[in-house]
């Protein structure tokens, strides 16, 4: 297969098969993979984030995995800058950058003209709001905005999550109104790109998610999370990831392991549903299911 594309993105809900497809495509297209998952950036968080193993990489170079400490914060703006730099580096070697992950906003911020405000922002607040968005969904965040800025909430659609969160940020910035914000809408593509979407029947996807959680527990998820808990790593962005926050409740004696297991599965299924909603509403995606032959028709 040949292509004149600048970059390919492979997105999809959790457990939809992105990793396997990305390796196959990278081998066919002389590509290198860039992580597009907001939680796989952290060290010591491998099992719960379904991070690709060295064996699974099968010799394909991967970038922006495990480069932050669990106590570090991380913003979309920082991700955008790092990925664009990495893309240029990969292209300079004559290879194809392939961004792979399920964090839609991260991937979107790279491919389109997202311009983050020059106004100083509270990175901790931004991280908190995006974490809450992933956990609770857009309606809850819009309701939160209505409580602090009813006028802004009335003018912003609940599904315009980027602007909802920006308005929440502005409410935390003393003396700065939402009208002064210079956050670009990010509708214009900056690269000749292709976004491939992975999906499958909802029932089958949920079965895969449930099985993945069971396999994570068998692989040592409890021990992985307890190592962070024992180091008293709390109230940080990383620990809000699905699988980690639930097990903290278990270690605190609030839930049984059986209850936590069901919570992780339920929260993962809900997250997958929100991922699909975001991809469909915000991005120009070519949905292929898990069909390699269909993928080949784009090259």
C-alpha atoms as a PDB file:
ATOM      1  CA  UNK A   1       0.000   0.000   0.000  1.00  0.00           C
ATOM      2  CA  UNK A   2       1.132   3.530  -0.785  1.00  0.00           C
ATOM      3  CA  UNK A   3      -0.117   6.864   0.452  1.00  0.00           C
ATOM      4  CA  UNK A   4       0.457  10.590   0.203  1.00  0.00           C
ATOM      5  CA  UNK A   5      -1.133  11.161   3.604  1.00  0.00           C
ATOM      6  CA  UNK A   6       0.707  13.185   6.253  1.00  0.00           C
ATOM      7  CA  UNK A   7      -0.721  11.175   9.131  1.00  0.00           C
ATOM      8  CA  UNK A   8      -3.193   8.400   9.888  1.00  0.00           C
ATOM      9  CA  UNK A   9      -5.176   8.203  13.117  1.00  0.00           C
ATOM     10  CA  UNK A  10      -6.757   5.006  14.416  1.00  0.00           C
ATOM     11  CA  UNK A  11      -9.447   5.670  16.985  1.00  0.00           C
ATOM     12  CA  UNK A  12     -12.198   3.674  18.607  1.00  0.00           C
ATOM     13  CA  UNK A  13     -13.673   2.735  21.956  1.00  0.00           C
ATOM     14  CA  UNK A  14     -11.729   0.787  24.522  1.00  0.00           C
ATOM     15  CA  UNK A  15     -11.217  -2.903  23.649  1.00  0.00           C
ATOM     16  CA  UNK A  16     -12.129  -2.425  19.977  1.00  0.00           C
ATOM     17  CA  UNK A  17      -8.840  -3.795  18.591  1.00  0.00           C
ATOM     18  CA  UNK A  18      -6.896  -0.605  17.801  1.00  0.00           C
ATOM     19  CA  UNK A  19      -3.539  -1.985  18.921  1.00  0.00           C
ATOM     20  CA  UNK A  20      -3.472  -5.033  16.665  1.00  0.00           C
ATOM     21  CA  UNK A  21      -4.657  -3.076  13.643  1.00  0.00           C
ATOM     22  CA  UNK A  22      -2.096  -0.321  14.211  1.00  0.00           C
ATOM     23  CA  UNK A  23       0.794  -2.787  14.226  1.00  0.00           C
ATOM     24  CA  UNK A  24      -0.380  -4.379  11.004  1.00  0.00           C
ATOM     25  CA  UNK A  25      -0.833  -0.985   9.333  1.00  0.00           C
ATOM     26  CA  UNK A  26       2.542   0.299  10.547  1.00  0.00           C
ATOM     27  CA  UNK A  27       4.278  -2.721   9.022  1.00  0.00           C
ATOM     28  CA  UNK A  28       2.453  -2.305   5.723  1.00  0.00           C
ATOM     29  CA  UNK A  29       2.970   1.467   5.523  1.00  0.00           C
ATOM     30  CA  UNK A  30       6.475   1.838   7.014  1.00  0.00           C
ATOM     31  CA  UNK A  31       4.914   3.689   9.907  1.00  0.00           C
ATOM     32  CA  UNK A  32       5.645   4.564  13.506  1.00  0.00           C
ATOM     33  CA  UNK A  33       2.984   4.743  16.205  1.00  0.00           C
ATOM     34  CA  UNK A  34       2.272   7.738  18.440  1.00  0.00           C
ATOM     35  CA  UNK A  35       0.204   7.181  21.562  1.00  0.00           C
ATOM     36  CA  UNK A  36      -3.219   8.844  21.495  1.00  0.00           C
ATOM     37  CA  UNK A  37      -4.391   7.778  24.958  1.00  0.00           C
ATOM     38  CA  UNK A  38      -4.385  10.291  27.805  1.00  0.00           C
ATOM     39  CA  UNK A  39      -3.487   7.720  30.480  1.00  0.00           C
ATOM     40  CA  UNK A  40      -0.840   5.674  28.693  1.00  0.00           C
ATOM     41  CA  UNK A  41       1.554   8.590  29.080  1.00  0.00           C
ATOM     42  CA  UNK A  42       2.123   7.581  32.711  1.00  0.00           C
ATOM     43  CA  UNK A  43       4.830   5.314  34.057  1.00  0.00           C
ATOM     44  CA  UNK A  44       3.838   2.463  36.386  1.00  0.00           C
ATOM     45  CA  UNK A  45       0.355   2.327  34.843  1.00  0.00           C
ATOM     46  CA  UNK A  46       0.570  -0.436  32.271  1.00  0.00           C
ATOM     47  CA  UNK A  47      -2.043  -3.096  32.967  1.00  0.00           C
ATOM     48  CA  UNK A  48      -4.958  -0.801  33.796  1.00  0.00           C
ATOM     49  CA  UNK A  49      -4.413   1.406  30.758  1.00  0.00           C
ATOM     50  CA  UNK A  50      -4.046  -1.593  28.410  1.00  0.00           C
ATOM     51  CA  UNK A  51      -0.664  -0.263  27.361  1.00  0.00           C
ATOM     52  CA  UNK A  52       0.947  -2.127  24.494  1.00  0.00           C
ATOM     53  CA  UNK A  53       3.753  -4.502  25.499  1.00  0.00           C
ATOM     54  CA  UNK A  54       7.127  -4.705  23.823  1.00  0.00           C
ATOM     55  CA  UNK A  55       6.200  -8.116  22.460  1.00  0.00           C
ATOM     56  CA  UNK A  56       2.999  -6.720  20.940  1.00  0.00           C
ATOM     57  CA  UNK A  57       4.960  -3.874  19.331  1.00  0.00           C
ATOM     58  CA  UNK A  58       6.722  -6.485  17.213  1.00  0.00           C
ATOM     59  CA  UNK A  59       9.543  -4.113  16.344  1.00  0.00           C
ATOM     60  CA  UNK A  60       7.332  -1.147  15.410  1.00  0.00           C
ATOM     61  CA  UNK A  61       8.618   2.081  17.043  1.00  0.00           C
ATOM     62  CA  UNK A  62       6.193   3.649  19.536  1.00  0.00           C
ATOM     63  CA  UNK A  63       6.288   7.160  20.948  1.00  0.00           C
ATOM     64  CA  UNK A  64       4.918   9.102  23.929  1.00  0.00           C
ATOM     65  CA  UNK A  65       4.297   6.121  26.163  1.00  0.00           C
ATOM     66  CA  UNK A  66       5.311   6.060  29.848  1.00  0.00           C
ATOM     67  CA  UNK A  67       7.123   9.400  29.912  1.00  0.00           C
ATOM     68  CA  UNK A  68       5.287  11.084  32.800  1.00  0.00           C
ATOM     69  CA  UNK A  69       5.319  10.249  36.489  1.00  0.00           C
ATOM     70  CA  UNK A  70       1.916   9.366  37.993  1.00  0.00           C
ATOM     71  CA  UNK A  71       2.119  12.546  40.063  1.00  0.00           C
ATOM     72  CA  UNK A  72       2.574  14.793  37.004  1.00  0.00           C
ATOM     73  CA  UNK A  73      -0.209  16.807  35.428  1.00  0.00           C
ATOM     74  CA  UNK A  74      -0.614  16.871  31.674  1.00  0.00           C
ATOM     75  CA  UNK A  75      -2.645  19.101  29.363  1.00  0.00           C
ATOM     76  CA  UNK A  76      -4.129  18.805  25.900  1.00  0.00           C
ATOM     77  CA  UNK A  77      -1.983  21.754  24.795  1.00  0.00           C
ATOM     78  CA  UNK A  78       1.165  19.950  25.926  1.00  0.00           C
ATOM     79  CA  UNK A  79       0.097  16.809  24.100  1.00  0.00           C
ATOM     80  CA  UNK A  80      -0.617  18.759  20.921  1.00  0.00           C
ATOM     81  CA  UNK A  81       2.865  20.295  20.916  1.00  0.00           C
ATOM     82  CA  UNK A  82       4.666  17.017  21.622  1.00  0.00           C
ATOM     83  CA  UNK A  83       2.786  15.037  18.990  1.00  0.00           C
ATOM     84  CA  UNK A  84       3.235  17.600  16.237  1.00  0.00           C
ATOM     85  CA  UNK A  85       6.955  17.646  16.960  1.00  0.00           C
ATOM     86  CA  UNK A  86       7.072  13.852  16.921  1.00  0.00           C
ATOM     87  CA  UNK A  87       5.126  13.723  13.655  1.00  0.00           C
ATOM     88  CA  UNK A  88       7.648  16.022  11.981  1.00  0.00           C
ATOM     89  CA  UNK A  89      10.489  13.869  13.272  1.00  0.00           C
ATOM     90  CA  UNK A  90       8.900  10.671  11.945  1.00  0.00           C
ATOM     91  CA  UNK A  91       8.147  12.279   8.575  1.00  0.00           C
ATOM     92  CA  UNK A  92      11.760  13.454   8.308  1.00  0.00           C
ATOM     93  CA  UNK A  93      12.776   9.797   8.332  1.00  0.00           C
ATOM     94  CA  UNK A  94      10.424   9.091   5.449  1.00  0.00           C
ATOM     95  CA  UNK A  95       7.958   7.232   7.616  1.00  0.00           C
ATOM     96  CA  UNK A  96       4.232   7.596   8.255  1.00  0.00           C
ATOM     97  CA  UNK A  97       3.043   8.824  11.672  1.00  0.00           C
ATOM     98  CA  UNK A  98       0.120   6.746  12.979  1.00  0.00           C
ATOM     99  CA  UNK A  99      -1.665   8.207  15.997  1.00  0.00           C
ATOM    100  CA  UNK A 100      -3.479   5.470  17.913  1.00  0.00           C
ATOM    101  CA  UNK A 101      -5.773   5.881  20.883  1.00  0.00           C
ATOM    102  CA  UNK A 102      -9.184   6.473  22.310  1.00  0.00           C
ATOM    103  CA  UNK A 103      -8.883  10.000  23.684  1.00  0.00           C
ATOM    104  CA  UNK A 104     -10.767  11.862  20.984  1.00  0.00           C
ATOM    105  CA  UNK A 105      -9.947  15.371  22.137  1.00  0.00           C
ATOM    106  CA  UNK A 106      -6.215  14.627  22.133  1.00  0.00           C
ATOM    107  CA  UNK A 107      -6.262  13.279  18.589  1.00  0.00           C
ATOM    108  CA  UNK A 108      -8.526  16.076  17.385  1.00  0.00           C
ATOM    109  CA  UNK A 109      -6.293  18.765  18.901  1.00  0.00           C
ATOM    110  CA  UNK A 110      -3.366  17.509  16.816  1.00  0.00           C
ATOM    111  CA  UNK A 111      -5.100  17.182  13.459  1.00  0.00           C
ATOM    112  CA  UNK A 112      -7.084  20.435  13.517  1.00  0.00           C
ATOM    113  CA  UNK A 113      -6.314  24.091  14.170  1.00  0.00           C
ATOM    114  CA  UNK A 114      -6.839  24.061  17.910  1.00  0.00           C
ATOM    115  CA  UNK A 115      -5.237  27.241  19.243  1.00  0.00           C
ATOM    116  CA  UNK A 116      -5.152  27.383  22.987  1.00  0.00           C
ATOM    117  CA  UNK A 117      -5.530  30.746  24.640  1.00  0.00           C
ATOM    118  CA  UNK A 118      -2.441  32.737  25.492  1.00  0.00           C
ATOM    119  CA  UNK A 119      -4.187  33.737  28.693  1.00  0.00           C
ATOM    120  CA  UNK A 120      -2.642  31.905  31.616  1.00  0.00           C
ATOM    121  CA  UNK A 121      -4.770  28.937  32.572  1.00  0.00           C
ATOM    122  CA  UNK A 122      -5.054  26.775  35.641  1.00  0.00           C
ATOM    123  CA  UNK A 123      -3.694  23.465  34.341  1.00  0.00           C
ATOM    124  CA  UNK A 124      -4.868  21.641  37.439  1.00  0.00           C
ATOM    125  CA  UNK A 125      -8.419  22.889  36.849  1.00  0.00           C
ATOM    126  CA  UNK A 126      -8.295  21.954  33.174  1.00  0.00           C
ATOM    127  CA  UNK A 127      -7.118  18.438  33.946  1.00  0.00           C
ATOM    128  CA  UNK A 128      -9.824  18.097  36.598  1.00  0.00           C
ATOM    129  CA  UNK A 129     -12.584  19.142  34.206  1.00  0.00           C
ATOM    130  CA  UNK A 130     -11.470  16.820  31.422  1.00  0.00           C
ATOM    131  CA  UNK A 131     -11.248  13.958  33.884  1.00  0.00           C
ATOM    132  CA  UNK A 132     -14.773  14.746  35.063  1.00  0.00           C
ATOM    133  CA  UNK A 133     -15.933  14.907  31.441  1.00  0.00           C
ATOM    134  CA  UNK A 134     -14.608  11.409  30.765  1.00  0.00           C
ATOM    135  CA  UNK A 135     -16.160  10.093  33.963  1.00  0.00           C
ATOM    136  CA  UNK A 136     -19.566  11.798  34.009  1.00  0.00           C
ATOM    137  CA  UNK A 137     -20.242  12.957  30.443  1.00  0.00           C
ATOM    138  CA  UNK A 138     -21.158  16.305  28.830  1.00  0.00           C
ATOM    139  CA  UNK A 139     -24.559  16.858  30.470  1.00  0.00           C
ATOM    140  CA  UNK A 140     -23.107  16.875  33.971  1.00  0.00           C
ATOM    141  CA  UNK A 141     -20.363  19.307  32.932  1.00  0.00           C
ATOM    142  CA  UNK A 142     -22.921  21.632  31.336  1.00  0.00           C
ATOM    143  CA  UNK A 143     -24.976  21.558  34.537  1.00  0.00           C
ATOM    144  CA  UNK A 144     -21.850  22.409  36.503  1.00  0.00           C
ATOM    145  CA  UNK A 145     -21.267  25.397  34.221  1.00  0.00           C
ATOM    146  CA  UNK A 146     -24.872  26.572  34.666  1.00  0.00           C
ATOM    147  CA  UNK A 147     -24.271  26.729  38.401  1.00  0.00           C
ATOM    148  CA  UNK A 148     -21.277  29.066  38.070  1.00  0.00           C
ATOM    149  CA  UNK A 149     -22.084  30.976  34.860  1.00  0.00           C
ATOM    150  CA  UNK A 150     -25.718  30.683  33.805  1.00  0.00           C
ATOM    151  CA  UNK A 151     -25.261  33.117  30.922  1.00  0.00           C
ATOM    152  CA  UNK A 152     -22.418  31.126  29.416  1.00  0.00           C
ATOM    153  CA  UNK A 153     -24.325  27.862  29.845  1.00  0.00           C
ATOM    154  CA  UNK A 154     -27.314  29.327  28.010  1.00  0.00           C
ATOM    155  CA  UNK A 155     -25.117  30.161  25.010  1.00  0.00           C
ATOM    156  CA  UNK A 156     -23.117  26.917  24.808  1.00  0.00           C
ATOM    157  CA  UNK A 157     -24.583  23.592  23.702  1.00  0.00           C
ATOM    158  CA  UNK A 158     -23.904  20.744  26.161  1.00  0.00           C
ATOM    159  CA  UNK A 159     -22.184  18.728  23.418  1.00  0.00           C
ATOM    160  CA  UNK A 160     -19.696  21.534  22.755  1.00  0.00           C
ATOM    161  CA  UNK A 161     -17.573  20.154  25.538  1.00  0.00           C
ATOM    162  CA  UNK A 162     -14.449  22.106  24.650  1.00  0.00           C
ATOM    163  CA  UNK A 163     -16.228  25.417  25.157  1.00  0.00           C
ATOM    164  CA  UNK A 164     -18.065  24.192  28.246  1.00  0.00           C
ATOM    165  CA  UNK A 165     -14.793  23.281  29.879  1.00  0.00           C
ATOM    166  CA  UNK A 166     -13.137  26.487  28.747  1.00  0.00           C
ATOM    167  CA  UNK A 167     -15.992  28.473  30.286  1.00  0.00           C
ATOM    168  CA  UNK A 168     -15.535  26.549  33.530  1.00  0.00           C
ATOM    169  CA  UNK A 169     -11.829  27.396  33.434  1.00  0.00           C
ATOM    170  CA  UNK A 170     -12.591  31.057  32.884  1.00  0.00           C
ATOM    171  CA  UNK A 171     -14.857  31.030  35.904  1.00  0.00           C
ATOM    172  CA  UNK A 172     -11.816  30.067  37.966  1.00  0.00           C
ATOM    173  CA  UNK A 173      -9.670  32.861  36.533  1.00  0.00           C
ATOM    174  CA  UNK A 174     -10.202  36.007  38.544  1.00  0.00           C
ATOM    175  CA  UNK A 175     -11.098  39.029  36.432  1.00  0.00           C
ATOM    176  CA  UNK A 176     -11.211  37.190  33.098  1.00  0.00           C
ATOM    177  CA  UNK A 177     -14.563  36.865  31.359  1.00  0.00           C
ATOM    178  CA  UNK A 178     -15.484  34.172  28.883  1.00  0.00           C
ATOM    179  CA  UNK A 179     -15.727  36.817  26.168  1.00  0.00           C
ATOM    180  CA  UNK A 180     -12.008  37.487  26.508  1.00  0.00           C
ATOM    181  CA  UNK A 181     -11.132  33.889  25.778  1.00  0.00           C
ATOM    182  CA  UNK A 182      -9.219  33.326  22.542  1.00  0.00           C
ATOM    183  CA  UNK A 183      -9.698  29.564  22.272  1.00  0.00           C
ATOM    184  CA  UNK A 184     -10.016  28.720  18.580  1.00  0.00           C
ATOM    185  CA  UNK A 185     -12.818  26.364  17.541  1.00  0.00           C
ATOM    186  CA  UNK A 186     -10.440  24.021  15.779  1.00  0.00           C
ATOM    187  CA  UNK A 187     -12.556  23.105  12.766  1.00  0.00           C
ATOM    188  CA  UNK A 188      -9.926  23.393  10.020  1.00  0.00           C
ATOM    189  CA  UNK A 189      -7.702  20.355   9.308  1.00  0.00           C
ATOM    190  CA  UNK A 190      -3.980  21.121   9.325  1.00  0.00           C
ATOM    191  CA  UNK A 191      -2.785  17.894   7.727  1.00  0.00           C
ATOM    192  CA  UNK A 192      -3.717  15.625   4.871  1.00  0.00           C
ATOM    193  CA  UNK A 193      -4.996  12.986   7.245  1.00  0.00           C
ATOM    194  CA  UNK A 194      -7.184   9.908   7.453  1.00  0.00           C
ATOM    195  CA  UNK A 195      -9.079   8.980  10.625  1.00  0.00           C
ATOM    196  CA  UNK A 196      -9.895   5.278  10.806  1.00  0.00           C
ATOM    197  CA  UNK A 197     -12.601   4.278  13.256  1.00  0.00           C
ATOM    198  CA  UNK A 198     -12.832   0.876  14.917  1.00  0.00           C
ATOM    199  CA  UNK A 199     -16.162  -0.385  16.183  1.00  0.00           C
ATOM    200  CA  UNK A 200     -18.366  -3.454  16.446  1.00  0.00           C
ATOM    201  CA  UNK A 201     -21.758  -4.595  17.626  1.00  0.00           C
ATOM    202  CA  UNK A 202     -22.469  -3.041  21.032  1.00  0.00           C
ATOM    203  CA  UNK A 203     -23.113  -6.375  22.751  1.00  0.00           C
ATOM    204  CA  UNK A 204     -19.894  -7.844  21.395  1.00  0.00           C
ATOM    205  CA  UNK A 205     -17.926  -4.737  22.418  1.00  0.00           C
ATOM    206  CA  UNK A 206     -19.270  -4.930  25.954  1.00  0.00           C
ATOM    207  CA  UNK A 207     -18.347  -8.619  26.130  1.00  0.00           C
ATOM    208  CA  UNK A 208     -14.809  -7.729  25.062  1.00  0.00           C
ATOM    209  CA  UNK A 209     -14.633  -4.983  27.681  1.00  0.00           C
ATOM    210  CA  UNK A 210     -15.795  -7.328  30.447  1.00  0.00           C
ATOM    211  CA  UNK A 211     -13.281  -9.964  29.382  1.00  0.00           C
ATOM    212  CA  UNK A 212     -10.496  -7.394  29.219  1.00  0.00           C
ATOM    213  CA  UNK A 213     -11.166  -6.349  32.818  1.00  0.00           C
ATOM    214  CA  UNK A 214     -11.035  -9.987  33.957  1.00  0.00           C
ATOM    215  CA  UNK A 215      -7.732 -10.462  32.121  1.00  0.00           C
ATOM    216  CA  UNK A 216      -6.318  -7.267  33.645  1.00  0.00           C
ATOM    217  CA  UNK A 217      -7.108  -8.554  37.119  1.00  0.00           C
ATOM    218  CA  UNK A 218      -5.489 -11.894  36.301  1.00  0.00           C
ATOM    219  CA  UNK A 219      -2.425 -10.049  34.977  1.00  0.00           C
ATOM    220  CA  UNK A 220      -1.896  -8.191  38.257  1.00  0.00           C
ATOM    221  CA  UNK A 221      -3.994  -5.027  38.117  1.00  0.00           C
ATOM    222  CA  UNK A 222      -4.646  -5.079  41.866  1.00  0.00           C
ATOM    223  CA  UNK A 223      -0.926  -5.248  42.587  1.00  0.00           C
ATOM    224  CA  UNK A 224      -0.143  -2.500  40.061  1.00  0.00           C
ATOM    225  CA  UNK A 225      -2.641  -0.115  41.616  1.00  0.00           C
ATOM    226  CA  UNK A 226      -1.675  -1.023  45.178  1.00  0.00           C
ATOM    227  CA  UNK A 227       1.933  -0.013  44.456  1.00  0.00           C
ATOM    228  CA  UNK A 228       0.650   3.502  43.685  1.00  0.00           C
ATOM    229  CA  UNK A 229      -1.670   3.453  46.690  1.00  0.00           C
ATOM    230  CA  UNK A 230       1.160   2.368  48.989  1.00  0.00           C
ATOM    231  CA  UNK A 231       3.238   5.307  47.759  1.00  0.00           C
ATOM    232  CA  UNK A 232       0.362   7.571  48.849  1.00  0.00           C
ATOM    233  CA  UNK A 233      -0.211   8.880  45.328  1.00  0.00           C
ATOM    234  CA  UNK A 234      -3.638  10.476  45.624  1.00  0.00           C
ATOM    235  CA  UNK A 235      -5.703  13.347  44.258  1.00  0.00           C
ATOM    236  CA  UNK A 236      -3.798  13.497  40.976  1.00  0.00           C
ATOM    237  CA  UNK A 237      -4.891  13.267  37.361  1.00  0.00           C
ATOM    238  CA  UNK A 238      -3.548   9.765  36.737  1.00  0.00           C
ATOM    239  CA  UNK A 239      -5.374   8.032  39.576  1.00  0.00           C
ATOM    240  CA  UNK A 240      -8.728   9.145  38.184  1.00  0.00           C
ATOM    241  CA  UNK A 241      -8.283   6.625  35.377  1.00  0.00           C
ATOM    242  CA  UNK A 242     -10.828   3.819  35.210  1.00  0.00           C
ATOM    243  CA  UNK A 243      -9.538   0.803  37.098  1.00  0.00           C
ATOM    244  CA  UNK A 244      -7.425   2.884  39.435  1.00  0.00           C
ATOM    245  CA  UNK A 245      -9.962   5.064  41.222  1.00  0.00           C
ATOM    246  CA  UNK A 246     -12.217   2.056  41.817  1.00  0.00           C
ATOM    247  CA  UNK A 247      -9.435  -0.038  43.332  1.00  0.00           C
ATOM    248  CA  UNK A 248      -8.477   2.839  45.629  1.00  0.00           C
ATOM    249  CA  UNK A 249     -11.974   2.517  47.093  1.00  0.00           C
ATOM    250  CA  UNK A 250     -11.268  -1.184  47.661  1.00  0.00           C
ATOM    251  CA  UNK A 251      -7.998  -0.442  49.422  1.00  0.00           C
ATOM    252  CA  UNK A 252      -9.787   2.150  51.542  1.00  0.00           C
ATOM    253  CA  UNK A 253     -12.195  -0.569  52.650  1.00  0.00           C
ATOM    254  CA  UNK A 254     -15.222   1.039  51.022  1.00  0.00           C
ATOM    255  CA  UNK A 255     -15.986  -1.729  48.503  1.00  0.00           C
ATOM    256  CA  UNK A 256     -15.343  -5.427  48.055  1.00  0.00           C
ATOM    257  CA  UNK A 257     -13.165  -6.642  45.203  1.00  0.00           C
ATOM    258  CA  UNK A 258     -16.247  -8.145  43.566  1.00  0.00           C
ATOM    259  CA  UNK A 259     -18.038  -4.787  43.726  1.00  0.00           C
ATOM    260  CA  UNK A 260     -14.990  -2.996  42.372  1.00  0.00           C
ATOM    261  CA  UNK A 261     -14.671  -5.443  39.481  1.00  0.00           C
ATOM    262  CA  UNK A 262     -18.258  -4.776  38.431  1.00  0.00           C
ATOM    263  CA  UNK A 263     -17.714  -1.022  38.787  1.00  0.00           C
ATOM    264  CA  UNK A 264     -14.659  -1.122  36.537  1.00  0.00           C
ATOM    265  CA  UNK A 265     -16.595  -3.055  33.904  1.00  0.00           C
ATOM    266  CA  UNK A 266     -19.586  -0.724  34.116  1.00  0.00           C
ATOM    267  CA  UNK A 267     -17.466   2.437  33.994  1.00  0.00           C
ATOM    268  CA  UNK A 268     -15.482   1.049  31.068  1.00  0.00           C
ATOM    269  CA  UNK A 269     -18.672   0.308  29.138  1.00  0.00           C
ATOM    270  CA  UNK A 270     -20.005   3.799  29.829  1.00  0.00           C
ATOM    271  CA  UNK A 271     -16.710   5.317  28.763  1.00  0.00           C
ATOM    272  CA  UNK A 272     -16.798   3.372  25.497  1.00  0.00           C
ATOM    273  CA  UNK A 273     -20.259   4.765  24.794  1.00  0.00           C
ATOM    274  CA  UNK A 274     -19.043   8.332  25.429  1.00  0.00           C
ATOM    275  CA  UNK A 275     -16.004   7.739  23.224  1.00  0.00           C
ATOM    276  CA  UNK A 276     -18.198   6.706  20.309  1.00  0.00           C
ATOM    277  CA  UNK A 277     -20.463   9.719  20.796  1.00  0.00           C
ATOM    278  CA  UNK A 278     -17.471  12.041  20.726  1.00  0.00           C
ATOM    279  CA  UNK A 279     -15.931  10.456  17.644  1.00  0.00           C
ATOM    280  CA  UNK A 280     -19.189  10.609  15.718  1.00  0.00           C
ATOM    281  CA  UNK A 281     -19.996  14.198  16.665  1.00  0.00           C
ATOM    282  CA  UNK A 282     -16.562  15.795  16.492  1.00  0.00           C
ATOM    283  CA  UNK A 283     -14.462  14.003  13.901  1.00  0.00           C
ATOM    284  CA  UNK A 284     -14.585  12.990  10.242  1.00  0.00           C
ATOM    285  CA  UNK A 285     -14.151   9.264  10.734  1.00  0.00           C
ATOM    286  CA  UNK A 286     -14.007   6.440   8.202  1.00  0.00           C
ATOM    287  CA  UNK A 287     -15.579   3.551  10.091  1.00  0.00           C
ATOM    288  CA  UNK A 288     -14.199   0.165   9.129  1.00  0.00           C
ATOM    289  CA  UNK A 289     -15.330  -2.012  12.027  1.00  0.00           C
ATOM    290  CA  UNK A 290     -12.356  -4.337  12.267  1.00  0.00           C
ATOM    291  CA  UNK A 291     -12.137  -5.044   8.540  1.00  0.00           C
ATOM    292  CA  UNK A 292      -8.582  -5.013   7.150  1.00  0.00           C
ATOM    293  CA  UNK A 293      -9.775  -5.327   3.558  1.00  0.00           C
ATOM    294  CA  UNK A 294     -11.973  -2.275   3.972  1.00  0.00           C
ATOM    295  CA  UNK A 295      -9.061  -0.361   5.458  1.00  0.00           C
ATOM    296  CA  UNK A 296      -6.919  -1.173   2.426  1.00  0.00           C
ATOM    297  CA  UNK A 297      -9.393   0.602   0.135  1.00  0.00           C
ATOM    298  CA  UNK A 298      -8.263   3.961   1.541  1.00  0.00           C
ATOM    299  CA  UNK A 299      -4.690   3.516   0.323  1.00  0.00           C
END
